[in-house]
Structure formats: C-alpha cells, structure tokens
Amino acid sequence: MTRTSETRRRGRLRRPGSVTAEWILLFTLVVIGALAGFAALNYAISRQQDALGTSVEGMNYPAATPSPVVISSSASSTAAPNP
C-alpha cells in the first residue's frame, strides 16, 4: 500500500506537531474560561461582602435615641425655702 491510499482510507494525514497544537489551543481555552470564572466569582463575593457590611453597619446605630436630659441647677433652688 502506498501512503496516498492510506491517507484516503483514514480520511486525514497526521502531521507532526498537530496534536501539540490541539493541546495548546485546548489549554488556552481552559485558561481563558478559568480567568473569566474567577473574575465573575470575585465580583459576586465582593457584592456579598458589601451587602454584609451594609447590614452590619446598620446594626451599629440604635433604633431610637432618647432625648438628652438637661439638669440645670441654680443657687435659689438649693437654698432653704423662705418662711
């Protein structure tokens, strides 16, 4: 059998380095997908932490602040009453 008939029978001819090129392309696609996934995960975690920080910050303030009590004293009020 000649090389041409083998090629026709198998459908394609293997070239040296073609498998390596396929692996490089596959690896590149996986890396790009992983980077996009990490970026999306980072964004989601950041949003969750912002929401958590906002809710915790809201707990720092009291629900209602009582009005301040002002105590004023004067010399006449502490003196003995007049008969």
Protein backbone atom coordinates (compact mmCIF):
# COMPACT_ATOMS: atom_id res chain seq x y z
CA MET A 1 0.00 0.00 0.00
CA THR A 2 1.16 3.47 -0.75
CA ARG A 3 0.99 6.45 1.53
CA THR A 4 -1.71 8.08 -0.60
CA SER A 5 -4.05 5.12 -0.31
CA GLU A 6 -3.52 5.01 3.47
CA THR A 7 -4.36 8.68 3.69
CA ARG A 8 -7.55 8.25 1.74
CA ARG A 9 -8.56 5.27 3.82
CA ARG A 10 -8.05 7.01 7.17
CA GLY A 11 -9.53 10.26 6.00
CA ARG A 12 -6.66 12.53 7.01
CA LEU A 13 -2.93 12.60 7.35
CA ARG A 14 -1.35 13.21 10.73
CA ARG A 15 1.16 16.00 10.58
CA PRO A 16 3.94 16.21 13.14
CA GLY A 17 3.03 18.67 15.89
CA SER A 18 -0.69 18.80 15.11
CA VAL A 19 -1.54 17.09 18.41
CA THR A 20 0.63 19.57 20.28
CA ALA A 21 -1.17 22.48 18.61
CA GLU A 22 -4.54 20.99 19.59
CA TRP A 23 -3.43 20.68 23.20
CA ILE A 24 -2.15 24.25 23.23
CA LEU A 25 -5.47 25.54 21.86
CA LEU A 26 -7.44 23.47 24.36
CA PHE A 27 -5.28 24.66 27.26
CA THR A 28 -5.65 28.28 26.12
CA LEU A 29 -9.43 27.98 26.07
CA VAL A 30 -9.45 26.43 29.54
CA VAL A 31 -7.25 29.21 30.94
CA ILE A 32 -9.43 31.93 29.40
CA GLY A 33 -12.55 30.28 30.81
CA ALA A 34 -10.96 29.94 34.25
CA LEU A 35 -9.94 33.60 34.28
CA ALA A 36 -13.45 34.69 33.32
CA GLY A 37 -14.89 32.43 36.03
CA PHE A 38 -12.54 33.82 38.68
CA ALA A 39 -13.42 37.37 37.69
CA ALA A 40 -17.15 36.62 37.99
CA LEU A 41 -16.60 34.89 41.33
CA ASN A 42 -14.57 37.83 42.62
CA TYR A 43 -17.35 40.23 41.63
CA ALA A 44 -20.04 38.09 43.31
CA ILE A 45 -18.05 37.74 46.53
CA SER A 46 -17.36 41.48 46.57
CA ARG A 47 -21.08 42.24 46.22
CA GLN A 48 -21.92 39.84 49.05
CA GLN A 49 -19.34 41.43 51.33
CA ASP A 50 -20.67 44.91 50.53
CA ALA A 51 -24.20 43.79 51.42
CA LEU A 52 -22.98 42.17 54.63
CA GLY A 53 -21.01 45.29 55.58
CA THR A 54 -24.04 47.48 54.98
CA SER A 55 -26.25 45.32 57.17
CA VAL A 56 -23.67 45.18 59.96
CA GLU A 57 -23.18 48.93 59.71
CA GLY A 58 -26.94 49.35 60.10
CA MET A 59 -26.79 47.45 63.41
CA ASN A 60 -24.37 49.97 64.90
CA TYR A 61 -26.99 52.70 65.19
CA PRO A 62 -29.58 52.46 67.96
CA ALA A 63 -33.19 52.22 66.88
CA ALA A 64 -34.32 55.26 68.86
CA THR A 65 -32.16 57.71 70.71
CA PRO A 66 -33.64 59.06 73.92
CA SER A 67 -33.81 62.80 74.23
CA PRO A 68 -30.99 64.18 76.32
CA VAL A 69 -31.83 65.07 79.89
CA VAL A 70 -30.65 68.52 80.86
CA ILE A 71 -30.18 69.14 84.54
CA SER A 72 -29.87 72.75 85.46
CA SER A 73 -29.30 73.93 88.97
CA SER A 74 -29.47 77.34 90.37
CA ALA A 75 -28.44 78.71 93.76
CA SER A 76 -32.00 79.66 94.70
CA SER A 77 -33.35 76.18 94.25
CA THR A 78 -30.86 74.65 96.69
CA ALA A 79 -31.40 77.32 99.35
CA ALA A 80 -33.82 76.86 102.20
CA PRO A 81 -37.33 77.98 101.43
CA ASN A 82 -38.48 81.35 102.81
CA PRO A 83 -40.83 81.13 105.81
